[in-house]
Every structure is written in structure tokens, then in C-alpha cells.
Amino acid sequence: MDILEIFGEYSYLGIFLVILGVNMSPILMPPSWIVLTSFYLLDPNLNILLLAVVGATGATIGRYFLKRISGIFRKFVGTEQKSNLDVIGKYLNNKKYGYLITSFLFGATPLPSNILFITYGLMRVKNIGIYVGFWFGRTISYIIMIYFGNAVLRPFFEIFEDRLVGILLIDGVGIGMIFLFASINWTVLITERKIKFVKPKIWRF
């Protein structure tokens, strides 16, 4: 809360910087909706719509940097997983709004978006739709979460009195989803409409 109070002194600029930093990190960061809602609870005079737009902009730019950083590690990804990623990329490229819709769904729902942008980075995706869809999805979800923040945030903190436990649990779920994602044979799923799992050899070493 001390950090929020310090950055809150700079109003929307401070909030933007915090959300930017949170979304640049792949793990060990609280969900950005919790950060935004906490800012609003500290200062109810903030405009919800403007707060959501600032948050969505910071989140989108942060995820852009996360994607760029993740792309550096593609050379360490196993051959089978590279093939899997390329199949997904080809499939989405063939869909007119594939990237836009996928990013919108991740942005508008509680799904951990760090997984999505790490995957985009490993796929080396170059499509403006991933940012447009994510920005609109995040704006909508932030408006809802901030508006109902008091009802949503307090029960969350009551369940996890130790905030770090909550963050670690969320990260654990995210890492689990990465391994689940890497275990799916996407070639079989896309071409044959069957779910088949493979041993997830994500890294060469």
C-alpha cells in the first residue's frame, strides 16, 4: 500500500507507470485489476473510465515489452515445441480476426495474459490485432472490476491474508497452464480435431 500511495501522488501518470511495470514482468506480480482497484479504493475521486483506459494502455504497452523479451528465448525452445507454435501461428494467420479475438478474450476475462504474450513472443507474432484486441478487452474488464472493486477485492484479500500467497498461487496456475499448453499436440488438434498430449520438452537443455 505504501508503494501505491507514493505513485498515487502522481495521479494517472503514477498509476500508468505501476501498471506498465506489473505487465512487463512474467511472474511474481499481482493481477493488474487488483492494483487498479486498490488505487481507486485509495482515491474514490478517480474517474473509473479514465482509470480503466490508463490501466489498459499501461497493460498493453507492458505486454508489448514482455512479448519482445520472450521472443529472445525462442532459440532455446525445443524443435517439437517450435513446430507446435508455428502450427498455431499459421492457423491464427489464416483467420481474419484470429489474433484480435484471441487477445480480446484474454483481455476481457481473468485468464492470465502473461502466458498469451510469452507465447506470442516465442511465436514471433507481428500483428497489430493482438494489441488492439487486448486493449479493448482490458478496458472493459477494468471498468467492471473497478466498479465492483469493493465487493470483489475484499473477499480476495480475506481468502489470502498473506498477499504473497495469493500472488504465488496465481503464478502457479499460470505456470501450470504454460505446461498444459506445451503438452497439447496442436497439429493433431487443428487438423484432426482431436486432443493429443505430448511430453512437454519446452527447452533444449
C-alpha atoms as a PDB file:
ATOM      1  CA  MET A   1       0.000   0.000   0.000  1.00  0.00           C
ATOM      2  CA  ASP A   2       2.945   2.364   0.649  1.00  0.00           C
ATOM      3  CA  ILE A   3       4.056   1.938  -2.975  1.00  0.00           C
ATOM      4  CA  LEU A   4       0.534   2.653  -4.204  1.00  0.00           C
ATOM      5  CA  GLU A   5       0.348   5.785  -2.069  1.00  0.00           C
ATOM      6  CA  ILE A   6       3.708   7.009  -3.401  1.00  0.00           C
ATOM      7  CA  PHE A   7       2.768   6.524  -7.058  1.00  0.00           C
ATOM      8  CA  GLY A   8      -0.794   7.668  -6.373  1.00  0.00           C
ATOM      9  CA  GLU A   9       0.621  11.095  -5.609  1.00  0.00           C
ATOM     10  CA  TYR A  10       1.363  11.425  -9.338  1.00  0.00           C
ATOM     11  CA  SER A  11      -2.255  10.647 -10.196  1.00  0.00           C
ATOM     12  CA  TYR A  12      -2.855   8.873 -13.509  1.00  0.00           C
ATOM     13  CA  LEU A  13       0.802   9.076 -14.571  1.00  0.00           C
ATOM     14  CA  GLY A  14       1.904   7.227 -11.449  1.00  0.00           C
ATOM     15  CA  ILE A  15      -0.831   4.621 -11.955  1.00  0.00           C
ATOM     16  CA  PHE A  16       0.248   4.158 -15.575  1.00  0.00           C
ATOM     17  CA  LEU A  17       3.872   3.529 -14.523  1.00  0.00           C
ATOM     18  CA  VAL A  18       2.861   0.942 -11.918  1.00  0.00           C
ATOM     19  CA  ILE A  19       0.629  -0.965 -14.350  1.00  0.00           C
ATOM     20  CA  LEU A  20       3.354  -0.783 -17.003  1.00  0.00           C
ATOM     21  CA  GLY A  21       5.880  -2.348 -14.619  1.00  0.00           C
ATOM     22  CA  VAL A  22       3.462  -5.038 -13.434  1.00  0.00           C
ATOM     23  CA  ASN A  23       2.706  -6.139 -17.010  1.00  0.00           C
ATOM     24  CA  MET A  24       6.343  -6.177 -18.143  1.00  0.00           C
ATOM     25  CA  SER A  25       7.085  -8.876 -15.579  1.00  0.00           C
ATOM     26  CA  PRO A  26       6.257 -12.509 -16.480  1.00  0.00           C
ATOM     27  CA  ILE A  27       5.744 -13.708 -12.886  1.00  0.00           C
ATOM     28  CA  LEU A  28       5.546 -12.657  -9.223  1.00  0.00           C
ATOM     29  CA  MET A  29       3.257  -9.703  -9.841  1.00  0.00           C
ATOM     30  CA  PRO A  30      -0.333  -9.211  -8.633  1.00  0.00           C
ATOM     31  CA  PRO A  31      -3.078  -9.112 -11.275  1.00  0.00           C
ATOM     32  CA  SER A  32      -3.278  -5.546 -12.593  1.00  0.00           C
ATOM     33  CA  TRP A  33      -7.017  -5.324 -11.867  1.00  0.00           C
ATOM     34  CA  ILE A  34      -6.179  -5.664  -8.173  1.00  0.00           C
ATOM     35  CA  VAL A  35      -3.649  -2.828  -8.455  1.00  0.00           C
ATOM     36  CA  LEU A  36      -6.113  -0.551 -10.266  1.00  0.00           C
ATOM     37  CA  THR A  37      -8.919  -1.346  -7.851  1.00  0.00           C
ATOM     38  CA  SER A  38      -6.600  -0.629  -4.921  1.00  0.00           C
ATOM     39  CA  PHE A  39      -5.753   2.784  -6.420  1.00  0.00           C
ATOM     40  CA  TYR A  40      -9.467   3.528  -6.741  1.00  0.00           C
ATOM     41  CA  LEU A  41     -10.202   2.465  -3.169  1.00  0.00           C
ATOM     42  CA  LEU A  42      -7.391   4.771  -2.019  1.00  0.00           C
ATOM     43  CA  ASP A  43      -8.820   7.667  -4.033  1.00  0.00           C
ATOM     44  CA  PRO A  44     -12.530   7.303  -4.970  1.00  0.00           C
ATOM     45  CA  ASN A  45     -12.325  10.670  -6.769  1.00  0.00           C
ATOM     46  CA  LEU A  46     -10.539   8.976  -9.663  1.00  0.00           C
ATOM     47  CA  ASN A  47     -12.650   8.671 -12.811  1.00  0.00           C
ATOM     48  CA  ILE A  48     -13.385   4.969 -13.390  1.00  0.00           C
ATOM     49  CA  LEU A  49     -13.459   5.207 -17.191  1.00  0.00           C
ATOM     50  CA  LEU A  50     -10.216   7.201 -17.365  1.00  0.00           C
ATOM     51  CA  LEU A  51      -8.595   4.898 -14.804  1.00  0.00           C
ATOM     52  CA  ALA A  52      -9.555   1.866 -16.909  1.00  0.00           C
ATOM     53  CA  VAL A  53      -8.203   3.468 -20.103  1.00  0.00           C
ATOM     54  CA  VAL A  54      -4.920   4.417 -18.397  1.00  0.00           C
ATOM     55  CA  GLY A  55      -4.651   0.920 -16.944  1.00  0.00           C
ATOM     56  CA  ALA A  56      -5.406  -0.794 -20.257  1.00  0.00           C
ATOM     57  CA  THR A  57      -2.847   1.386 -22.048  1.00  0.00           C
ATOM     58  CA  GLY A  58      -0.150   0.644 -19.460  1.00  0.00           C
ATOM     59  CA  ALA A  59      -1.008  -3.067 -19.521  1.00  0.00           C
ATOM     60  CA  THR A  60      -0.868  -3.245 -23.330  1.00  0.00           C
ATOM     61  CA  ILE A  61       2.485  -1.450 -23.555  1.00  0.00           C
ATOM     62  CA  GLY A  62       3.833  -3.626 -20.740  1.00  0.00           C
ATOM     63  CA  ARG A  63       2.746  -6.798 -22.523  1.00  0.00           C
ATOM     64  CA  TYR A  64       4.380  -5.492 -25.706  1.00  0.00           C
ATOM     65  CA  PHE A  65       7.735  -5.387 -23.912  1.00  0.00           C
ATOM     66  CA  LEU A  66       7.097  -8.815 -22.353  1.00  0.00           C
ATOM     67  CA  LYS A  67       6.430 -10.206 -25.832  1.00  0.00           C
ATOM     68  CA  ARG A  68       9.641  -8.687 -27.204  1.00  0.00           C
ATOM     69  CA  ILE A  69      11.704 -10.082 -24.319  1.00  0.00           C
ATOM     70  CA  SER A  70      10.097 -13.539 -24.682  1.00  0.00           C
ATOM     71  CA  GLY A  71      10.992 -13.626 -28.381  1.00  0.00           C
ATOM     72  CA  ILE A  72      14.683 -13.661 -27.470  1.00  0.00           C
ATOM     73  CA  PHE A  73      14.251 -17.098 -25.884  1.00  0.00           C
ATOM     74  CA  ARG A  74      12.778 -18.804 -28.973  1.00  0.00           C
ATOM     75  CA  LYS A  75      16.232 -20.145 -29.860  1.00  0.00           C
ATOM     76  CA  PHE A  76      16.173 -22.194 -26.648  1.00  0.00           C
ATOM     77  CA  VAL A  77      12.779 -23.793 -27.383  1.00  0.00           C
ATOM     78  CA  GLY A  78      12.758 -27.484 -28.384  1.00  0.00           C
ATOM     79  CA  THR A  79      12.199 -28.388 -32.049  1.00  0.00           C
ATOM     80  CA  GLU A  80       8.852 -30.107 -31.407  1.00  0.00           C
ATOM     81  CA  GLN A  81       7.531 -27.144 -29.471  1.00  0.00           C
ATOM     82  CA  LYS A  82       8.680 -24.742 -32.185  1.00  0.00           C
ATOM     83  CA  SER A  83       6.708 -26.810 -34.678  1.00  0.00           C
ATOM     84  CA  ASN A  84       3.691 -26.665 -32.371  1.00  0.00           C
ATOM     85  CA  LEU A  85       3.965 -22.885 -32.070  1.00  0.00           C
ATOM     86  CA  ASP A  86       4.317 -22.467 -35.839  1.00  0.00           C
ATOM     87  CA  VAL A  87       1.155 -24.524 -36.413  1.00  0.00           C
ATOM     88  CA  ILE A  88      -0.805 -22.268 -34.056  1.00  0.00           C
ATOM     89  CA  GLY A  89       0.620 -19.161 -35.739  1.00  0.00           C
ATOM     90  CA  LYS A  90      -0.307 -20.417 -39.202  1.00  0.00           C
ATOM     91  CA  TYR A  91      -3.821 -21.268 -38.016  1.00  0.00           C
ATOM     92  CA  LEU A  92      -4.404 -17.822 -36.486  1.00  0.00           C
ATOM     93  CA  ASN A  93      -2.891 -16.104 -39.529  1.00  0.00           C
ATOM     94  CA  ASN A  94      -5.478 -17.838 -41.710  1.00  0.00           C
ATOM     95  CA  LYS A  95      -8.298 -16.442 -39.574  1.00  0.00           C
ATOM     96  CA  LYS A  96      -9.139 -12.836 -40.411  1.00  0.00           C
ATOM     97  CA  TYR A  97      -9.579 -11.752 -36.794  1.00  0.00           C
ATOM     98  CA  GLY A  98      -7.833 -14.686 -35.125  1.00  0.00           C
ATOM     99  CA  TYR A  99      -5.262 -12.721 -33.146  1.00  0.00           C
ATOM    100  CA  LEU A 100      -7.656  -9.878 -32.346  1.00  0.00           C
ATOM    101  CA  ILE A 101     -10.359 -12.195 -30.946  1.00  0.00           C
ATOM    102  CA  THR A 102      -7.882 -14.329 -29.000  1.00  0.00           C
ATOM    103  CA  SER A 103      -6.291 -11.272 -27.387  1.00  0.00           C
ATOM    104  CA  PHE A 104      -9.687  -9.724 -26.654  1.00  0.00           C
ATOM    105  CA  LEU A 105     -10.840 -12.874 -24.845  1.00  0.00           C
ATOM    106  CA  PHE A 106      -7.687 -12.953 -22.712  1.00  0.00           C
ATOM    107  CA  GLY A 107      -8.010  -9.238 -22.006  1.00  0.00           C
ATOM    108  CA  ALA A 108     -11.698  -9.351 -21.082  1.00  0.00           C
ATOM    109  CA  THR A 109     -11.505 -12.425 -18.835  1.00  0.00           C
ATOM    110  CA  PRO A 110      -9.444 -13.417 -15.766  1.00  0.00           C
ATOM    111  CA  LEU A 111      -7.213 -15.623 -17.943  1.00  0.00           C
ATOM    112  CA  PRO A 112      -3.517 -14.890 -17.191  1.00  0.00           C
ATOM    113  CA  SER A 113      -2.374 -12.772 -20.137  1.00  0.00           C
ATOM    114  CA  ASN A 114       1.332 -13.216 -19.367  1.00  0.00           C
ATOM    115  CA  ILE A 115       1.051 -16.721 -20.847  1.00  0.00           C
ATOM    116  CA  LEU A 116      -0.523 -15.334 -24.003  1.00  0.00           C
ATOM    117  CA  PHE A 117       2.166 -12.736 -24.648  1.00  0.00           C
ATOM    118  CA  ILE A 118       5.028 -15.054 -23.747  1.00  0.00           C
ATOM    119  CA  THR A 119       3.580 -17.443 -26.340  1.00  0.00           C
ATOM    120  CA  TYR A 120       3.209 -14.614 -28.857  1.00  0.00           C
ATOM    121  CA  GLY A 121       6.839 -13.737 -28.228  1.00  0.00           C
ATOM    122  CA  LEU A 122       8.019 -17.315 -28.784  1.00  0.00           C
ATOM    123  CA  MET A 123       5.919 -17.392 -31.975  1.00  0.00           C
ATOM    124  CA  ARG A 124       7.403 -14.022 -33.002  1.00  0.00           C
ATOM    125  CA  VAL A 125       3.962 -12.738 -33.924  1.00  0.00           C
ATOM    126  CA  LYS A 126       3.786  -9.431 -35.778  1.00  0.00           C
ATOM    127  CA  ASN A 127       0.125  -8.455 -35.818  1.00  0.00           C
ATOM    128  CA  ILE A 128      -1.413  -5.206 -34.541  1.00  0.00           C
ATOM    129  CA  GLY A 129      -4.598  -7.117 -33.730  1.00  0.00           C
ATOM    130  CA  ILE A 130      -3.002  -8.662 -30.641  1.00  0.00           C
ATOM    131  CA  TYR A 131      -2.660  -5.222 -29.062  1.00  0.00           C
ATOM    132  CA  VAL A 132      -5.979  -3.782 -30.271  1.00  0.00           C
ATOM    133  CA  GLY A 133      -7.966  -6.778 -29.020  1.00  0.00           C
ATOM    134  CA  PHE A 134      -6.119  -6.875 -25.704  1.00  0.00           C
ATOM    135  CA  TRP A 135      -6.568  -3.127 -25.110  1.00  0.00           C
ATOM    136  CA  PHE A 136     -10.323  -3.219 -25.669  1.00  0.00           C
ATOM    137  CA  GLY A 137     -10.694  -6.386 -23.603  1.00  0.00           C
ATOM    138  CA  ARG A 138      -8.687  -4.943 -20.730  1.00  0.00           C
ATOM    139  CA  THR A 139     -10.587  -1.634 -20.794  1.00  0.00           C
ATOM    140  CA  ILE A 140     -13.927  -3.435 -20.472  1.00  0.00           C
ATOM    141  CA  SER A 141     -12.738  -5.807 -17.747  1.00  0.00           C
ATOM    142  CA  TYR A 142     -11.076  -2.988 -15.776  1.00  0.00           C
ATOM    143  CA  ILE A 143     -14.240  -0.869 -15.801  1.00  0.00           C
ATOM    144  CA  ILE A 144     -16.225  -3.807 -14.403  1.00  0.00           C
ATOM    145  CA  MET A 145     -13.617  -4.828 -11.822  1.00  0.00           C
ATOM    146  CA  ILE A 146     -13.004  -1.273 -10.587  1.00  0.00           C
ATOM    147  CA  TYR A 147     -16.724  -0.527 -10.364  1.00  0.00           C
ATOM    148  CA  PHE A 148     -17.370  -3.650  -8.297  1.00  0.00           C
ATOM    149  CA  GLY A 149     -13.942  -3.477  -6.657  1.00  0.00           C
ATOM    150  CA  ASN A 150     -15.116  -3.217  -3.084  1.00  0.00           C
ATOM    151  CA  ALA A 151     -17.239  -6.343  -3.413  1.00  0.00           C
ATOM    152  CA  VAL A 152     -14.562  -8.310  -5.327  1.00  0.00           C
ATOM    153  CA  LEU A 153     -11.285  -7.218  -3.748  1.00  0.00           C
ATOM    154  CA  ARG A 154     -12.095  -7.517  -0.055  1.00  0.00           C
ATOM    155  CA  PRO A 155     -13.162 -11.204  -0.233  1.00  0.00           C
ATOM    156  CA  PHE A 156      -9.982 -11.918  -2.237  1.00  0.00           C
ATOM    157  CA  PHE A 157      -7.806 -10.421   0.495  1.00  0.00           C
ATOM    158  CA  GLU A 158      -9.806 -12.222   3.184  1.00  0.00           C
ATOM    159  CA  ILE A 159      -9.078 -15.552   1.494  1.00  0.00           C
ATOM    160  CA  PHE A 160      -5.395 -14.693   1.157  1.00  0.00           C
ATOM    161  CA  GLU A 161      -4.458 -12.739   4.263  1.00  0.00           C
ATOM    162  CA  ASP A 162      -0.861 -13.109   3.135  1.00  0.00           C
ATOM    163  CA  ARG A 163      -0.913 -11.277  -0.202  1.00  0.00           C
ATOM    164  CA  LEU A 164       2.220 -13.119  -1.350  1.00  0.00           C
ATOM    165  CA  VAL A 165       0.406 -16.454  -1.053  1.00  0.00           C
ATOM    166  CA  GLY A 166      -2.304 -15.191  -3.399  1.00  0.00           C
ATOM    167  CA  ILE A 167       0.245 -13.928  -5.930  1.00  0.00           C
ATOM    168  CA  LEU A 168       2.222 -17.189  -5.811  1.00  0.00           C
ATOM    169  CA  LEU A 169      -0.981 -19.203  -6.267  1.00  0.00           C
ATOM    170  CA  ILE A 170      -1.957 -17.154  -9.321  1.00  0.00           C
ATOM    171  CA  ASP A 171       1.557 -17.556 -10.758  1.00  0.00           C
ATOM    172  CA  GLY A 172       1.440 -21.289 -10.039  1.00  0.00           C
ATOM    173  CA  VAL A 173      -1.777 -21.600 -12.016  1.00  0.00           C
ATOM    174  CA  GLY A 174      -0.189 -19.593 -14.839  1.00  0.00           C
ATOM    175  CA  ILE A 175       2.909 -21.816 -14.966  1.00  0.00           C
ATOM    176  CA  GLY A 176       0.673 -24.896 -14.903  1.00  0.00           C
ATOM    177  CA  MET A 177      -1.246 -23.538 -17.881  1.00  0.00           C
ATOM    178  CA  ILE A 178       2.010 -22.983 -19.779  1.00  0.00           C
ATOM    179  CA  PHE A 179       2.936 -26.647 -19.304  1.00  0.00           C
ATOM    180  CA  LEU A 180      -0.594 -27.739 -20.281  1.00  0.00           C
ATOM    181  CA  PHE A 181      -0.386 -25.548 -23.382  1.00  0.00           C
ATOM    182  CA  ALA A 182       3.018 -27.022 -24.249  1.00  0.00           C
ATOM    183  CA  SER A 183       1.701 -30.564 -23.762  1.00  0.00           C
ATOM    184  CA  ILE A 184      -1.003 -30.269 -26.427  1.00  0.00           C
ATOM    185  CA  ASN A 185      -0.185 -31.541 -29.892  1.00  0.00           C
ATOM    186  CA  TRP A 186      -1.628 -28.568 -31.781  1.00  0.00           C
ATOM    187  CA  THR A 187      -1.042 -30.125 -35.192  1.00  0.00           C
ATOM    188  CA  VAL A 188      -3.380 -33.003 -34.346  1.00  0.00           C
ATOM    189  CA  LEU A 189      -5.886 -30.727 -32.618  1.00  0.00           C
ATOM    190  CA  ILE A 190      -6.142 -28.279 -35.535  1.00  0.00           C
ATOM    191  CA  THR A 191      -6.001 -30.755 -38.414  1.00  0.00           C
ATOM    192  CA  GLU A 192      -7.842 -33.740 -36.922  1.00  0.00           C
ATOM    193  CA  ARG A 193      -9.918 -32.041 -34.221  1.00  0.00           C
ATOM    194  CA  LYS A 194      -8.554 -34.492 -31.646  1.00  0.00           C
ATOM    195  CA  ILE A 195      -6.830 -33.744 -28.364  1.00  0.00           C
ATOM    196  CA  LYS A 196      -3.494 -35.464 -28.027  1.00  0.00           C
ATOM    197  CA  PHE A 197      -0.856 -34.754 -25.422  1.00  0.00           C
ATOM    198  CA  VAL A 198       2.892 -34.986 -25.784  1.00  0.00           C
ATOM    199  CA  LYS A 199       5.698 -34.775 -23.263  1.00  0.00           C
ATOM    200  CA  PRO A 200       6.375 -31.023 -22.927  1.00  0.00           C
ATOM    201  CA  LYS A 201      10.082 -30.669 -23.799  1.00  0.00           C
ATOM    202  CA  ILE A 202       9.945 -26.885 -23.745  1.00  0.00           C
ATOM    203  CA  TRP A 203      13.660 -26.083 -23.610  1.00  0.00           C
ATOM    204  CA  ARG A 204      16.532 -27.669 -25.496  1.00  0.00           C
ATOM    205  CA  PHE A 205      18.540 -28.058 -22.337  1.00  0.00           C
END
